[in-house]
Amino acid sequence: MNLRALVLLACAAMVLGAPQKSDSSCVLFCEDPVIGFGHYVCCDQNPGSCPPVRKECPRNKLQSESAPTICVYDPECPRTQKCCQDVCLGHKTCKDSE
């Protein structure tokens, strides 16, 4: 490969690997844990903190209650909620912040 092609390839890799700022209000970007290298998502923190971890898991409720929202980072939740680990479900969900 000639030098010109290597420089062009290096520039393309830098552009594709840079965080893609889709939300102008976002300050902190983290690598997307689902897609991986070169793909970034906003991982700013919503205000508040996660509620205490449950000591017991509730029994299944009626289907009328909506399923919890699965998340990885706070911005995937409404501003009044945090993305917190749920020991009963085994993954992170949006929960009301404290």
Protein backbone atom coordinates (compact mmCIF):
# COMPACT_ATOMS: atom_id res chain seq x y z
CA MET A 1 0.00 0.00 0.00
CA ASN A 2 1.34 3.44 -0.80
CA LEU A 3 1.65 6.24 1.74
CA ARG A 4 -1.34 8.16 0.40
CA ALA A 5 -3.64 5.14 0.86
CA LEU A 6 -2.34 4.56 4.40
CA VAL A 7 -2.96 8.21 5.36
CA LEU A 8 -6.48 8.07 3.90
CA LEU A 9 -7.19 4.82 5.76
CA ALA A 10 -5.90 6.27 9.04
CA CYS A 11 -8.06 9.39 8.65
CA ALA A 12 -11.15 7.28 7.95
CA ALA A 13 -10.50 5.15 11.03
CA MET A 14 -10.16 8.25 13.22
CA VAL A 15 -13.43 9.74 11.94
CA LEU A 16 -15.37 6.50 12.27
CA GLY A 17 -13.96 5.83 15.73
CA ALA A 18 -14.74 9.30 17.10
CA PRO A 19 -17.82 9.81 19.27
CA GLN A 20 -20.79 10.76 17.16
CA LYS A 21 -22.45 13.63 18.96
CA SER A 22 -26.17 13.08 18.34
CA ASP A 23 -27.38 14.98 21.40
CA SER A 24 -25.95 18.49 21.69
CA SER A 25 -26.73 18.56 25.43
CA CYS A 26 -24.59 15.48 26.14
CA VAL A 27 -21.27 16.06 27.90
CA LEU A 28 -19.96 12.54 28.51
CA PHE A 29 -19.86 9.81 25.84
CA CYS A 30 -19.15 6.12 26.52
CA GLU A 31 -18.58 3.25 24.16
CA ASP A 32 -21.84 1.49 23.33
CA PRO A 33 -21.74 -1.86 25.20
CA VAL A 34 -24.01 -3.47 22.61
CA ILE A 35 -22.42 -2.34 19.33
CA GLY A 36 -18.88 -1.93 20.60
CA PHE A 37 -15.76 -0.26 19.24
CA GLY A 38 -16.29 3.01 17.43
CA HIS A 39 -19.91 3.51 18.49
CA TYR A 40 -20.63 5.85 21.37
CA VAL A 41 -23.70 6.79 23.38
CA CYS A 42 -24.45 9.58 25.82
CA CYS A 43 -23.74 8.42 29.37
CA ASP A 44 -24.36 11.61 31.35
CA GLN A 45 -25.76 11.06 34.84
CA ASN A 46 -29.38 11.94 35.67
CA PRO A 47 -29.78 13.69 39.05
CA GLY A 48 -30.30 11.64 42.20
CA SER A 49 -29.24 8.14 43.11
CA CYS A 50 -30.55 4.60 42.67
CA PRO A 51 -33.01 3.29 45.25
CA PRO A 52 -31.78 0.70 47.78
CA VAL A 53 -31.39 -2.83 46.45
CA ARG A 54 -34.41 -5.03 47.18
CA LYS A 55 -34.04 -7.71 49.84
CA GLU A 56 -36.78 -9.86 48.31
CA CYS A 57 -38.08 -10.19 44.80
CA PRO A 58 -41.83 -9.59 44.39
CA ARG A 59 -43.96 -12.30 42.86
CA ASN A 60 -45.08 -11.77 39.28
CA LYS A 61 -47.82 -9.19 39.11
CA LEU A 62 -50.71 -9.05 36.69
CA GLN A 63 -49.81 -8.24 33.09
CA SER A 64 -51.65 -4.90 33.43
CA GLU A 65 -48.51 -3.37 34.93
CA SER A 66 -46.08 -2.28 32.23
CA ALA A 67 -42.76 -4.08 31.90
CA PRO A 68 -39.68 -2.23 33.23
CA THR A 69 -37.58 -0.29 30.73
CA ILE A 70 -34.24 -2.00 30.13
CA CYS A 71 -31.33 0.47 30.01
CA VAL A 72 -27.54 0.73 30.04
CA TYR A 73 -27.04 4.42 30.90
CA ASP A 74 -29.14 7.14 32.59
CA PRO A 75 -30.02 9.10 29.39
CA GLU A 76 -32.12 6.13 28.24
CA CYS A 77 -34.46 6.85 31.18
CA PRO A 78 -36.70 9.85 31.88
CA ARG A 79 -34.80 12.67 33.64
CA THR A 80 -36.47 11.80 36.99
CA GLN A 81 -35.18 8.21 36.86
CA LYS A 82 -31.82 6.46 37.05
CA CYS A 83 -30.56 3.37 35.21
CA CYS A 84 -30.04 0.94 38.11
CA GLN A 85 -29.22 -2.74 38.45
CA ASP A 86 -32.25 -4.84 39.40
CA VAL A 87 -31.15 -7.97 41.25
CA CYS A 88 -34.49 -9.69 40.69
CA LEU A 89 -34.48 -9.17 36.92
CA GLY A 90 -30.74 -9.61 36.46
CA HIS A 91 -30.24 -6.47 34.34
CA LYS A 92 -30.43 -2.68 34.59
CA THR A 93 -33.82 -0.93 34.46
CA CYS A 94 -35.09 2.64 34.79
CA LYS A 95 -36.08 3.33 38.40
CA ASP A 96 -37.32 6.46 40.19
CA SER A 97 -34.32 8.29 41.60
CA GLU A 98 -33.95 9.22 45.24
